[in-house]
Amino acid sequence: MAIPLSITRRVIISIVTLLIVSLGASETFGRVGHGVIPPAPDYNDSTQWYVRDRHADADIFYVISTETGDYRSHDGITCHYADTYNDSVRPALHDEMTGVESLLSGELNYYSPYYRQCSLQTFASDSLSVERLPLALSDVRRAFNRYIKQLNQDRPFILAGYSQGAMAVLQLLQEMDSLTYKRMIAAYAIGVNIPQSLIDNCDFIVPATGADDTGVTICYNSVRDPERVIHLLGDNNAVAINPVNWRTDSTPATLVTVPSPIIPEMDQTADTLTVSLDPTTHLLLVKGFTGTDYVLPVIGKDGNYHSREIWLYRKQLRDNIEKRTRVFLPGR
């Protein structure tokens, strides 16, 4: 399937633009406690979803990453959460939904909820994360419950999330009941930290060990070297698999890909990357990346490829979602 570059370019550009603008707002206006709390999304309202119904036998439920920075409300108070009804906030959320749908969903149905995600500045400290994440997670919980009870219609599903969205996926796995879990093809928790203690205390977080096991959780964090890890995103991780060769040992894999989602593919020279797992840190080590590195504001580090976790492995992820779905639905 051809990848619509116009969509992926829009996604990255909107992320960069929003974060630059919102960082300036944060520094200027500061914080006032929790700031403004936007209205809760009503998940009976179709405007609070992005959906592609292909009448397929299985779905993807995808939770987007952090697309919001601190911003001012109309009365001048700083807001640390996305207002899902605000037309100036929604476009960045929508662009990730459509971009990931075009890259990964293939022939599956696709459901992605708007939610009051925390701003990027939230992840500057552990205390802010602990304070603010529960509101975002509560929205995703309500959206998932609505999806399971009224939209899914007992179909098997892929559960997926990236960065803050992956944190929500882990929360859903901890709260999932056994009947729902039996319909889960796999969970893709991309760019997040899964400590051993969480595995030990959650029966439904089962680390993937290969390319076609089901009911498992797929996780990885890409860096140039272990010193480039971002706190809260891979620095205490016990779950990792190489999305190029789908191995959990240090066997290296070769990945040929253009480095940038912004520049048209025809205008780029493909990188030949060597991708391998570090058995000690469970980080994905990427060698040979030549693109101009995009460093996340606030929490980013040069040589950490968190912003490219989906782009670099887009073909492998799409093919793997299709493979695991075929295994789960034999003969369909």
C-alpha atoms as a PDB file:
ATOM      1  CA  MET A   1       0.000   0.000   0.000  1.00  0.00           C
ATOM      2  CA  ALA A   2       1.388   3.407  -0.935  1.00  0.00           C
ATOM      3  CA  ILE A   3       1.929   5.779   1.979  1.00  0.00           C
ATOM      4  CA  PRO A   4       0.278   9.183   1.457  1.00  0.00           C
ATOM      5  CA  LEU A   5       3.218  11.483   2.185  1.00  0.00           C
ATOM      6  CA  SER A   6       1.041  14.561   2.346  1.00  0.00           C
ATOM      7  CA  ILE A   7      -0.605  13.157   5.476  1.00  0.00           C
ATOM      8  CA  THR A   8       2.613  12.135   7.234  1.00  0.00           C
ATOM      9  CA  ARG A   9       4.196  15.489   6.396  1.00  0.00           C
ATOM     10  CA  ARG A  10       1.187  17.249   7.899  1.00  0.00           C
ATOM     11  CA  VAL A  11       1.447  15.146  11.067  1.00  0.00           C
ATOM     12  CA  ILE A  12       5.092  15.974  11.740  1.00  0.00           C
ATOM     13  CA  ILE A  13       4.796  19.639  10.793  1.00  0.00           C
ATOM     14  CA  SER A  14       1.777  20.118  13.048  1.00  0.00           C
ATOM     15  CA  ILE A  15       3.584  18.464  15.978  1.00  0.00           C
ATOM     16  CA  VAL A  16       6.618  20.699  15.611  1.00  0.00           C
ATOM     17  CA  THR A  17       4.598  23.876  15.137  1.00  0.00           C
ATOM     18  CA  LEU A  18       2.268  23.223  18.061  1.00  0.00           C
ATOM     19  CA  LEU A  19       5.051  22.388  20.475  1.00  0.00           C
ATOM     20  CA  ILE A  20       7.129  25.431  19.580  1.00  0.00           C
ATOM     21  CA  VAL A  21       4.147  27.754  20.023  1.00  0.00           C
ATOM     22  CA  SER A  22       2.958  26.104  23.221  1.00  0.00           C
ATOM     23  CA  LEU A  23       6.400  26.103  24.804  1.00  0.00           C
ATOM     24  CA  GLY A  24       6.528  29.854  24.402  1.00  0.00           C
ATOM     25  CA  ALA A  25       3.100  30.174  25.993  1.00  0.00           C
ATOM     26  CA  SER A  26       4.167  28.013  28.917  1.00  0.00           C
ATOM     27  CA  GLU A  27       7.198  30.122  29.695  1.00  0.00           C
ATOM     28  CA  THR A  28       5.215  33.359  29.461  1.00  0.00           C
ATOM     29  CA  PHE A  29       2.094  32.488  31.433  1.00  0.00           C
ATOM     30  CA  GLY A  30       3.247  29.853  33.908  1.00  0.00           C
ATOM     31  CA  ARG A  31       0.975  27.474  35.820  1.00  0.00           C
ATOM     32  CA  VAL A  32      -2.035  28.073  38.035  1.00  0.00           C
ATOM     33  CA  GLY A  33      -2.569  24.777  39.901  1.00  0.00           C
ATOM     34  CA  HIS A  34      -4.327  22.431  37.534  1.00  0.00           C
ATOM     35  CA  GLY A  35      -5.098  25.386  35.276  1.00  0.00           C
ATOM     36  CA  VAL A  36      -8.242  25.123  33.178  1.00  0.00           C
ATOM     37  CA  ILE A  37      -9.900  21.711  33.045  1.00  0.00           C
ATOM     38  CA  PRO A  38     -11.569  21.329  29.626  1.00  0.00           C
ATOM     39  CA  PRO A  39     -14.989  19.671  29.369  1.00  0.00           C
ATOM     40  CA  ALA A  40     -15.008  15.881  29.342  1.00  0.00           C
ATOM     41  CA  PRO A  41     -15.449  14.324  25.885  1.00  0.00           C
ATOM     42  CA  ASP A  42     -18.844  12.736  25.306  1.00  0.00           C
ATOM     43  CA  TYR A  43     -18.078   9.466  23.547  1.00  0.00           C
ATOM     44  CA  ASN A  44     -21.645   9.172  22.309  1.00  0.00           C
ATOM     45  CA  ASP A  45     -20.766  12.190  20.156  1.00  0.00           C
ATOM     46  CA  SER A  46     -19.244  11.160  16.824  1.00  0.00           C
ATOM     47  CA  THR A  47     -17.085  14.305  16.762  1.00  0.00           C
ATOM     48  CA  GLN A  48     -15.064  12.821  19.630  1.00  0.00           C
ATOM     49  CA  TRP A  49     -13.868   9.952  17.440  1.00  0.00           C
ATOM     50  CA  TYR A  50     -11.922   9.373  14.276  1.00  0.00           C
ATOM     51  CA  VAL A  51     -13.308   6.212  12.690  1.00  0.00           C
ATOM     52  CA  ARG A  52     -12.659   4.314   9.462  1.00  0.00           C
ATOM     53  CA  ASP A  53     -15.197   1.509   9.117  1.00  0.00           C
ATOM     54  CA  ARG A  54     -14.081  -0.882   6.369  1.00  0.00           C
ATOM     55  CA  HIS A  55     -16.546  -3.615   7.380  1.00  0.00           C
ATOM     56  CA  ALA A  56     -13.559  -5.760   8.294  1.00  0.00           C
ATOM     57  CA  ASP A  57     -13.533  -8.722  10.659  1.00  0.00           C
ATOM     58  CA  ALA A  58     -11.146  -6.986  13.082  1.00  0.00           C
ATOM     59  CA  ASP A  59     -10.375  -3.493  14.402  1.00  0.00           C
ATOM     60  CA  ILE A  60      -7.545  -1.296  15.567  1.00  0.00           C
ATOM     61  CA  PHE A  61      -8.184   0.837  18.643  1.00  0.00           C
ATOM     62  CA  TYR A  62      -5.426   3.462  18.612  1.00  0.00           C
ATOM     63  CA  VAL A  63      -4.572   6.027  21.316  1.00  0.00           C
ATOM     64  CA  ILE A  64      -2.581   9.006  20.030  1.00  0.00           C
ATOM     65  CA  SER A  65       0.607  10.403  21.533  1.00  0.00           C
ATOM     66  CA  THR A  66       1.221  13.846  23.044  1.00  0.00           C
ATOM     67  CA  GLU A  67       0.205  16.486  20.506  1.00  0.00           C
ATOM     68  CA  THR A  68      -0.562  19.261  23.014  1.00  0.00           C
ATOM     69  CA  GLY A  69       1.570  21.869  24.744  1.00  0.00           C
ATOM     70  CA  ASP A  70       0.539  24.236  27.520  1.00  0.00           C
ATOM     71  CA  TYR A  71      -1.699  26.954  26.081  1.00  0.00           C
ATOM     72  CA  ARG A  72      -3.892  29.835  27.237  1.00  0.00           C
ATOM     73  CA  SER A  73      -7.635  29.568  27.590  1.00  0.00           C
ATOM     74  CA  HIS A  74      -9.829  32.450  26.419  1.00  0.00           C
ATOM     75  CA  ASP A  75      -9.666  33.967  29.920  1.00  0.00           C
ATOM     76  CA  GLY A  76      -5.879  33.844  30.035  1.00  0.00           C
ATOM     77  CA  ILE A  77      -5.409  30.841  32.345  1.00  0.00           C
ATOM     78  CA  THR A  78      -2.906  28.191  31.324  1.00  0.00           C
ATOM     79  CA  CYS A  79      -4.360  24.832  30.311  1.00  0.00           C
ATOM     80  CA  HIS A  80      -2.339  21.619  30.627  1.00  0.00           C
ATOM     81  CA  TYR A  81      -4.835  19.347  28.827  1.00  0.00           C
ATOM     82  CA  ALA A  82      -6.173  19.118  25.288  1.00  0.00           C
ATOM     83  CA  ASP A  83      -9.645  20.597  24.868  1.00  0.00           C
ATOM     84  CA  THR A  84     -11.229  18.121  22.461  1.00  0.00           C
ATOM     85  CA  TYR A  85     -13.933  20.634  21.534  1.00  0.00           C
ATOM     86  CA  ASN A  86     -11.493  23.456  20.765  1.00  0.00           C
ATOM     87  CA  ASP A  87     -10.978  23.965  17.033  1.00  0.00           C
ATOM     88  CA  SER A  88      -7.494  25.353  17.575  1.00  0.00           C
ATOM     89  CA  VAL A  89      -6.385  22.258  19.541  1.00  0.00           C
ATOM     90  CA  ARG A  90      -8.116  19.482  17.591  1.00  0.00           C
ATOM     91  CA  PRO A  91      -6.158  19.632  14.276  1.00  0.00           C
ATOM     92  CA  ALA A  92      -2.913  18.250  15.726  1.00  0.00           C
ATOM     93  CA  LEU A  93      -4.824  15.394  17.386  1.00  0.00           C
ATOM     94  CA  HIS A  94      -6.691  14.680  14.158  1.00  0.00           C
ATOM     95  CA  ASP A  95      -3.508  14.713  12.083  1.00  0.00           C
ATOM     96  CA  GLU A  96      -1.898  11.959  14.152  1.00  0.00           C
ATOM     97  CA  MET A  97      -5.090   9.903  13.967  1.00  0.00           C
ATOM     98  CA  THR A  98      -5.243  10.128  10.181  1.00  0.00           C
ATOM     99  CA  GLY A  99      -1.495   9.747   9.735  1.00  0.00           C
ATOM    100  CA  VAL A 100      -1.250   6.557  11.778  1.00  0.00           C
ATOM    101  CA  GLU A 101      -4.408   5.203  10.170  1.00  0.00           C
ATOM    102  CA  SER A 102      -2.837   5.637   6.732  1.00  0.00           C
ATOM    103  CA  LEU A 103       0.433   4.018   7.827  1.00  0.00           C
ATOM    104  CA  LEU A 104      -0.730   1.063   9.894  1.00  0.00           C
ATOM    105  CA  SER A 105      -4.385   0.081   9.610  1.00  0.00           C
ATOM    106  CA  GLY A 106      -4.305  -1.661   6.230  1.00  0.00           C
ATOM    107  CA  GLU A 107      -7.702  -3.284   5.719  1.00  0.00           C
ATOM    108  CA  LEU A 108      -8.789  -3.201   9.359  1.00  0.00           C
ATOM    109  CA  ASN A 109     -11.428  -0.936  10.891  1.00  0.00           C
ATOM    110  CA  TYR A 110      -9.867   1.937  12.835  1.00  0.00           C
ATOM    111  CA  TYR A 111     -11.109   3.693  15.984  1.00  0.00           C
ATOM    112  CA  SER A 112      -9.251   6.522  17.686  1.00  0.00           C
ATOM    113  CA  PRO A 113     -10.781   8.695  20.449  1.00  0.00           C
ATOM    114  CA  TYR A 114     -10.055  12.326  21.164  1.00  0.00           C
ATOM    115  CA  TYR A 115      -9.101  12.694  24.823  1.00  0.00           C
ATOM    116  CA  ARG A 116      -7.892  15.313  27.278  1.00  0.00           C
ATOM    117  CA  GLN A 117      -4.269  14.316  26.897  1.00  0.00           C
ATOM    118  CA  CYS A 118      -1.672  15.992  29.123  1.00  0.00           C
ATOM    119  CA  SER A 119       0.556  18.650  27.644  1.00  0.00           C
ATOM    120  CA  LEU A 120       4.173  17.857  26.816  1.00  0.00           C
ATOM    121  CA  GLN A 121       5.333  19.987  29.751  1.00  0.00           C
ATOM    122  CA  THR A 122       3.667  17.467  32.076  1.00  0.00           C
ATOM    123  CA  PHE A 123       6.488  15.019  31.442  1.00  0.00           C
ATOM    124  CA  ALA A 124       9.189  17.403  32.613  1.00  0.00           C
ATOM    125  CA  SER A 125       8.834  15.942  36.122  1.00  0.00           C
ATOM    126  CA  ASP A 126       7.520  12.804  37.804  1.00  0.00           C
ATOM    127  CA  SER A 127       5.292  14.806  40.137  1.00  0.00           C
ATOM    128  CA  LEU A 128       3.481  16.571  37.293  1.00  0.00           C
ATOM    129  CA  SER A 129       2.992  13.264  35.469  1.00  0.00           C
ATOM    130  CA  VAL A 130       1.511  11.632  38.558  1.00  0.00           C
ATOM    131  CA  GLU A 131      -0.765  14.611  39.149  1.00  0.00           C
ATOM    132  CA  ARG A 132      -2.097  15.056  35.616  1.00  0.00           C
ATOM    133  CA  LEU A 133      -2.118  11.686  33.884  1.00  0.00           C
ATOM    134  CA  PRO A 134      -5.188  10.285  35.706  1.00  0.00           C
ATOM    135  CA  LEU A 135      -7.505  12.734  33.915  1.00  0.00           C
ATOM    136  CA  ALA A 136      -6.195  11.724  30.480  1.00  0.00           C
ATOM    137  CA  LEU A 137      -6.351   8.028  31.370  1.00  0.00           C
ATOM    138  CA  SER A 138      -9.912   8.364  32.638  1.00  0.00           C
ATOM    139  CA  ASP A 139     -11.002   9.668  29.216  1.00  0.00           C
ATOM    140  CA  VAL A 140      -9.324   6.791  27.394  1.00  0.00           C
ATOM    141  CA  ARG A 141     -10.916   4.334  29.809  1.00  0.00           C
ATOM    142  CA  ARG A 142     -14.379   5.743  29.070  1.00  0.00           C
ATOM    143  CA  ALA A 143     -13.722   5.719  25.333  1.00  0.00           C
ATOM    144  CA  PHE A 144     -12.517   2.117  25.395  1.00  0.00           C
ATOM    145  CA  ASN A 145     -15.531   1.005  27.426  1.00  0.00           C
ATOM    146  CA  ARG A 146     -17.843   2.674  24.916  1.00  0.00           C
ATOM    147  CA  TYR A 147     -15.908   1.039  22.063  1.00  0.00           C
ATOM    148  CA  ILE A 148     -16.096  -2.445  23.599  1.00  0.00           C
ATOM    149  CA  LYS A 149     -19.750  -2.242  24.620  1.00  0.00           C
ATOM    150  CA  GLN A 150     -21.271  -0.459  21.615  1.00  0.00           C
ATOM    151  CA  LEU A 151     -18.883  -0.095  18.678  1.00  0.00           C
ATOM    152  CA  ASN A 152     -16.770  -3.228  18.526  1.00  0.00           C
ATOM    153  CA  GLN A 153     -19.635  -5.742  18.141  1.00  0.00           C
ATOM    154  CA  ASP A 154     -17.513  -8.636  19.491  1.00  0.00           C
ATOM    155  CA  ARG A 155     -14.856  -8.382  16.781  1.00  0.00           C
ATOM    156  CA  PRO A 156     -11.211  -9.202  17.532  1.00  0.00           C
ATOM    157  CA  PHE A 157      -9.106  -6.083  17.901  1.00  0.00           C
ATOM    158  CA  ILE A 158      -5.601  -4.684  17.964  1.00  0.00           C
ATOM    159  CA  LEU A 159      -4.968  -2.359  20.912  1.00  0.00           C
ATOM    160  CA  ALA A 160      -2.302   0.224  20.073  1.00  0.00           C
ATOM    161  CA  GLY A 161      -0.861   3.430  21.455  1.00  0.00           C
ATOM    162  CA  TYR A 162       2.237   5.530  21.146  1.00  0.00           C
ATOM    163  CA  SER A 163       4.046   7.455  23.917  1.00  0.00           C
ATOM    164  CA  GLN A 164       1.317   8.941  26.185  1.00  0.00           C
ATOM    165  CA  GLY A 165      -1.105   6.764  24.227  1.00  0.00           C
ATOM    166  CA  ALA A 166       0.986   3.712  25.099  1.00  0.00           C
ATOM    167  CA  MET A 167       0.738   4.645  28.781  1.00  0.00           C
ATOM    168  CA  ALA A 168      -3.027   4.532  28.343  1.00  0.00           C
ATOM    169  CA  VAL A 169      -2.763   1.128  26.634  1.00  0.00           C
ATOM    170  CA  LEU A 170      -0.914  -0.263  29.662  1.00  0.00           C
ATOM    171  CA  GLN A 171      -3.639   1.093  31.933  1.00  0.00           C
ATOM    172  CA  LEU A 172      -6.328  -0.574  29.802  1.00  0.00           C
ATOM    173  CA  LEU A 173      -4.463  -3.882  29.956  1.00  0.00           C
ATOM    174  CA  GLN A 174      -4.327  -3.679  33.753  1.00  0.00           C
ATOM    175  CA  GLU A 175      -8.092  -3.100  33.935  1.00  0.00           C
ATOM    176  CA  MET A 176      -9.165  -5.462  31.151  1.00  0.00           C
ATOM    177  CA  ASP A 177     -11.484  -8.388  31.895  1.00  0.00           C
ATOM    178  CA  SER A 178     -10.767 -11.886  30.632  1.00  0.00           C
ATOM    179  CA  LEU A 179     -13.572 -11.916  28.036  1.00  0.00           C
ATOM    180  CA  THR A 180     -12.242  -8.746  26.416  1.00  0.00           C
ATOM    181  CA  TYR A 181      -8.680 -10.045  26.548  1.00  0.00           C
ATOM    182  CA  LYS A 182      -9.706 -13.180  24.662  1.00  0.00           C
ATOM    183  CA  ARG A 183     -10.639 -10.949  21.702  1.00  0.00           C
ATOM    184  CA  MET A 184      -7.401  -8.948  21.801  1.00  0.00           C
ATOM    185  CA  ILE A 185      -5.134  -9.959  18.936  1.00  0.00           C
ATOM    186  CA  ALA A 186      -2.158  -8.049  20.353  1.00  0.00           C
ATOM    187  CA  ALA A 187      -1.267  -4.810  22.112  1.00  0.00           C
ATOM    188  CA  TYR A 188       1.303  -2.423  20.622  1.00  0.00           C
ATOM    189  CA  ALA A 189       2.617  -0.163  23.404  1.00  0.00           C
ATOM    190  CA  ILE A 190       5.185   1.818  21.427  1.00  0.00           C
ATOM    191  CA  GLY A 191       7.732   4.125  23.025  1.00  0.00           C
ATOM    192  CA  VAL A 192       6.890   3.542  26.678  1.00  0.00           C
ATOM    193  CA  ASN A 193       8.422   2.024  29.806  1.00  0.00           C
ATOM    194  CA  ILE A 194       7.145  -1.407  30.960  1.00  0.00           C
ATOM    195  CA  PRO A 195       8.916  -2.384  34.201  1.00  0.00           C
ATOM    196  CA  GLN A 196       9.091  -5.957  35.431  1.00  0.00           C
ATOM    197  CA  SER A 197       6.837  -5.136  38.379  1.00  0.00           C
ATOM    198  CA  LEU A 198       4.024  -4.289  35.977  1.00  0.00           C
ATOM    199  CA  ILE A 199       4.410  -7.595  34.134  1.00  0.00           C
ATOM    200  CA  ASP A 200       4.399  -9.466  37.436  1.00  0.00           C
ATOM    201  CA  ASN A 201       1.144  -7.815  38.503  1.00  0.00           C
ATOM    202  CA  CYS A 202      -0.824  -7.911  35.256  1.00  0.00           C
ATOM    203  CA  ASP A 203      -1.825 -11.224  33.718  1.00  0.00           C
ATOM    204  CA  PHE A 204      -2.654  -9.596  30.390  1.00  0.00           C
ATOM    205  CA  ILE A 205       0.716  -7.945  29.750  1.00  0.00           C
ATOM    206  CA  VAL A 206       2.471 -10.863  28.076  1.00  0.00           C
ATOM    207  CA  PRO A 207       5.699  -9.885  26.271  1.00  0.00           C
ATOM    208  CA  ALA A 208       5.800 -10.877  22.612  1.00  0.00           C
ATOM    209  CA  THR A 209       8.466 -13.421  21.728  1.00  0.00           C
ATOM    210  CA  GLY A 210       8.060 -13.628  17.963  1.00  0.00           C
ATOM    211  CA  ALA A 211       6.335 -12.307  14.852  1.00  0.00           C
ATOM    212  CA  ASP A 212       3.025 -14.129  15.120  1.00  0.00           C
ATOM    213  CA  ASP A 213       2.146 -14.835  18.754  1.00  0.00           C
ATOM    214  CA  THR A 214      -1.177 -13.394  19.882  1.00  0.00           C
ATOM    215  CA  GLY A 215      -2.527 -11.963  23.115  1.00  0.00           C
ATOM    216  CA  VAL A 216       0.895 -10.407  23.583  1.00  0.00           C
ATOM    217  CA  THR A 217       2.319  -6.920  24.110  1.00  0.00           C
ATOM    218  CA  ILE A 218       4.828  -5.412  21.671  1.00  0.00           C
ATOM    219  CA  CYS A 219       7.114  -2.675  22.968  1.00  0.00           C
ATOM    220  CA  TYR A 220      10.380  -1.011  21.918  1.00  0.00           C
ATOM    221  CA  ASN A 221      12.310   2.249  22.397  1.00  0.00           C
ATOM    222  CA  SER A 222      14.832   3.378  19.753  1.00  0.00           C
ATOM    223  CA  VAL A 223      18.089   5.159  20.581  1.00  0.00           C
ATOM    224  CA  ARG A 224      21.517   5.712  19.084  1.00  0.00           C
ATOM    225  CA  ASP A 225      23.061   4.390  22.307  1.00  0.00           C
ATOM    226  CA  PRO A 226      21.791   3.681  25.848  1.00  0.00           C
ATOM    227  CA  GLU A 227      22.840   7.095  27.165  1.00  0.00           C
ATOM    228  CA  ARG A 228      20.179   8.686  24.927  1.00  0.00           C
ATOM    229  CA  VAL A 229      17.208   7.161  26.752  1.00  0.00           C
ATOM    230  CA  ILE A 230      14.458   9.538  27.943  1.00  0.00           C
ATOM    231  CA  HIS A 231      13.291   9.257  31.541  1.00  0.00           C
ATOM    232  CA  LEU A 232       9.848   7.572  31.765  1.00  0.00           C
ATOM    233  CA  LEU A 233      10.240   6.326  28.173  1.00  0.00           C
ATOM    234  CA  GLY A 234      12.437   3.261  28.286  1.00  0.00           C
ATOM    235  CA  ASP A 235      14.778   3.840  31.226  1.00  0.00           C
ATOM    236  CA  ASN A 236      13.464   0.904  33.285  1.00  0.00           C
ATOM    237  CA  ASN A 237      12.041  -1.316  30.601  1.00  0.00           C
ATOM    238  CA  ALA A 238      11.716  -5.097  30.857  1.00  0.00           C
ATOM    239  CA  VAL A 239       9.801  -5.668  27.594  1.00  0.00           C
ATOM    240  CA  ALA A 240      11.349  -5.274  24.178  1.00  0.00           C
ATOM    241  CA  ILE A 241      11.245  -6.848  20.748  1.00  0.00           C
ATOM    242  CA  ASN A 242      13.008  -5.870  17.533  1.00  0.00           C
ATOM    243  CA  PRO A 243      10.295  -4.808  15.046  1.00  0.00           C
ATOM    244  CA  VAL A 244      12.566  -5.538  12.074  1.00  0.00           C
ATOM    245  CA  ASN A 245      13.376  -9.219  12.711  1.00  0.00           C
ATOM    246  CA  TRP A 246      10.864  -9.800  15.569  1.00  0.00           C
ATOM    247  CA  ARG A 247      13.502 -11.290  17.838  1.00  0.00           C
ATOM    248  CA  THR A 248      14.068 -10.647  21.528  1.00  0.00           C
ATOM    249  CA  ASP A 249      17.812 -11.355  21.522  1.00  0.00           C
ATOM    250  CA  SER A 250      20.650  -9.167  20.246  1.00  0.00           C
ATOM    251  CA  THR A 251      20.617 -10.528  16.674  1.00  0.00           C
ATOM    252  CA  PRO A 252      21.001  -7.450  14.434  1.00  0.00           C
ATOM    253  CA  ALA A 253      18.623  -6.704  11.579  1.00  0.00           C
ATOM    254  CA  THR A 254      19.031  -4.523   8.514  1.00  0.00           C
ATOM    255  CA  LEU A 255      16.407  -1.883   7.773  1.00  0.00           C
ATOM    256  CA  VAL A 256      16.458   0.172   4.582  1.00  0.00           C
ATOM    257  CA  THR A 257      14.268   3.261   4.851  1.00  0.00           C
ATOM    258  CA  VAL A 258      14.226   6.941   4.024  1.00  0.00           C
ATOM    259  CA  PRO A 259      14.924   8.815   7.254  1.00  0.00           C
ATOM    260  CA  SER A 260      12.395  11.647   7.079  1.00  0.00           C
ATOM    261  CA  PRO A 261       8.587  11.643   7.030  1.00  0.00           C
ATOM    262  CA  ILE A 262       8.606  15.294   6.005  1.00  0.00           C
ATOM    263  CA  ILE A 263      10.633  15.224   2.770  1.00  0.00           C
ATOM    264  CA  PRO A 264       9.088  13.375  -0.212  1.00  0.00           C
ATOM    265  CA  GLU A 265      10.577   9.887  -0.471  1.00  0.00           C
ATOM    266  CA  MET A 266      11.720  10.485  -4.060  1.00  0.00           C
ATOM    267  CA  ASP A 267      13.892  13.371  -2.820  1.00  0.00           C
ATOM    268  CA  GLN A 268      15.704  11.276  -0.204  1.00  0.00           C
ATOM    269  CA  THR A 269      18.461   8.722  -0.198  1.00  0.00           C
ATOM    270  CA  ALA A 270      17.518   5.688   1.832  1.00  0.00           C
ATOM    271  CA  ASP A 271      19.454   4.896   4.993  1.00  0.00           C
ATOM    272  CA  THR A 272      20.694   1.371   5.623  1.00  0.00           C
ATOM    273  CA  LEU A 273      20.196   0.961   9.348  1.00  0.00           C
ATOM    274  CA  THR A 274      21.428  -1.744  11.661  1.00  0.00           C
ATOM    275  CA  VAL A 275      18.848  -2.357  14.379  1.00  0.00           C
ATOM    276  CA  SER A 276      19.574  -4.562  17.385  1.00  0.00           C
ATOM    277  CA  LEU A 277      18.375  -5.022  20.952  1.00  0.00           C
ATOM    278  CA  ASP A 278      20.660  -4.304  23.868  1.00  0.00           C
ATOM    279  CA  PRO A 279      20.048  -7.301  26.182  1.00  0.00           C
ATOM    280  CA  THR A 280      21.013  -5.282  29.267  1.00  0.00           C
ATOM    281  CA  THR A 281      18.870  -2.164  28.835  1.00  0.00           C
ATOM    282  CA  HIS A 282      16.210  -3.649  26.496  1.00  0.00           C
ATOM    283  CA  LEU A 283      16.665  -0.631  24.248  1.00  0.00           C
ATOM    284  CA  LEU A 284      16.571  -0.795  20.461  1.00  0.00           C
ATOM    285  CA  LEU A 285      19.945   0.411  19.189  1.00  0.00           C
ATOM    286  CA  VAL A 286      19.812   2.077  15.771  1.00  0.00           C
ATOM    287  CA  LYS A 287      23.024   2.645  13.811  1.00  0.00           C
ATOM    288  CA  GLY A 288      23.375   4.427  10.473  1.00  0.00           C
ATOM    289  CA  PHE A 289      20.659   7.072  10.791  1.00  0.00           C
ATOM    290  CA  THR A 290      21.653  10.080   8.670  1.00  0.00           C
ATOM    291  CA  GLY A 291      18.556  12.276   8.855  1.00  0.00           C
ATOM    292  CA  THR A 292      18.565  15.588  10.624  1.00  0.00           C
ATOM    293  CA  ASP A 293      17.505  14.508  14.067  1.00  0.00           C
ATOM    294  CA  TYR A 294      14.353  16.052  15.538  1.00  0.00           C
ATOM    295  CA  VAL A 295      14.788  16.507  19.281  1.00  0.00           C
ATOM    296  CA  LEU A 296      11.569  16.704  21.286  1.00  0.00           C
ATOM    297  CA  PRO A 297      11.172  19.939  23.255  1.00  0.00           C
ATOM    298  CA  VAL A 298      11.310  19.735  27.078  1.00  0.00           C
ATOM    299  CA  ILE A 299      12.203  16.033  27.402  1.00  0.00           C
ATOM    300  CA  GLY A 300      14.080  15.133  24.214  1.00  0.00           C
ATOM    301  CA  LYS A 301      17.713  14.160  23.701  1.00  0.00           C
ATOM    302  CA  ASP A 302      19.839  14.124  20.579  1.00  0.00           C
ATOM    303  CA  GLY A 303      20.151  10.511  19.465  1.00  0.00           C
ATOM    304  CA  ASN A 304      16.824   9.463  20.932  1.00  0.00           C
ATOM    305  CA  TYR A 305      14.450   8.481  18.120  1.00  0.00           C
ATOM    306  CA  HIS A 306      11.215   8.629  20.073  1.00  0.00           C
ATOM    307  CA  SER A 307       9.564  10.904  17.516  1.00  0.00           C
ATOM    308  CA  ARG A 308      10.249   8.335  14.753  1.00  0.00           C
ATOM    309  CA  GLU A 309       9.173   5.135  16.518  1.00  0.00           C
ATOM    310  CA  ILE A 310       6.307   4.568  14.081  1.00  0.00           C
ATOM    311  CA  TRP A 311       7.805   6.148  10.969  1.00  0.00           C
ATOM    312  CA  LEU A 312      11.018   4.094  10.877  1.00  0.00           C
ATOM    313  CA  TYR A 313       9.192   0.761  11.238  1.00  0.00           C
ATOM    314  CA  ARG A 314       5.929   1.656   9.491  1.00  0.00           C
ATOM    315  CA  LYS A 315       6.073  -1.153   6.925  1.00  0.00           C
ATOM    316  CA  GLN A 316       7.150  -3.743   9.477  1.00  0.00           C
ATOM    317  CA  LEU A 317       4.400  -2.715  11.897  1.00  0.00           C
ATOM    318  CA  ARG A 318       1.678  -2.741   9.234  1.00  0.00           C
ATOM    319  CA  ASP A 319       2.768  -6.165   7.957  1.00  0.00           C
ATOM    320  CA  ASN A 320       3.001  -7.503  11.510  1.00  0.00           C
ATOM    321  CA  ILE A 321      -0.471  -6.290  12.450  1.00  0.00           C
ATOM    322  CA  GLU A 322      -1.771  -8.063   9.361  1.00  0.00           C
ATOM    323  CA  LYS A 323       0.166 -11.248  10.199  1.00  0.00           C
ATOM    324  CA  ARG A 324      -1.006 -11.475  13.804  1.00  0.00           C
ATOM    325  CA  THR A 325      -4.570 -10.801  12.670  1.00  0.00           C
ATOM    326  CA  ARG A 326      -4.396 -13.625  10.106  1.00  0.00           C
ATOM    327  CA  VAL A 327      -3.143 -16.004  12.802  1.00  0.00           C
ATOM    328  CA  PHE A 328      -5.950 -14.938  15.133  1.00  0.00           C
ATOM    329  CA  LEU A 329      -8.573 -15.249  12.372  1.00  0.00           C
ATOM    330  CA  PRO A 330      -7.582 -18.349  10.402  1.00  0.00           C
ATOM    331  CA  GLY A 331      -9.493 -18.922   7.197  1.00  0.00           C
ATOM    332  CA  ARG A 332     -10.942 -15.387   6.995  1.00  0.00           C
END
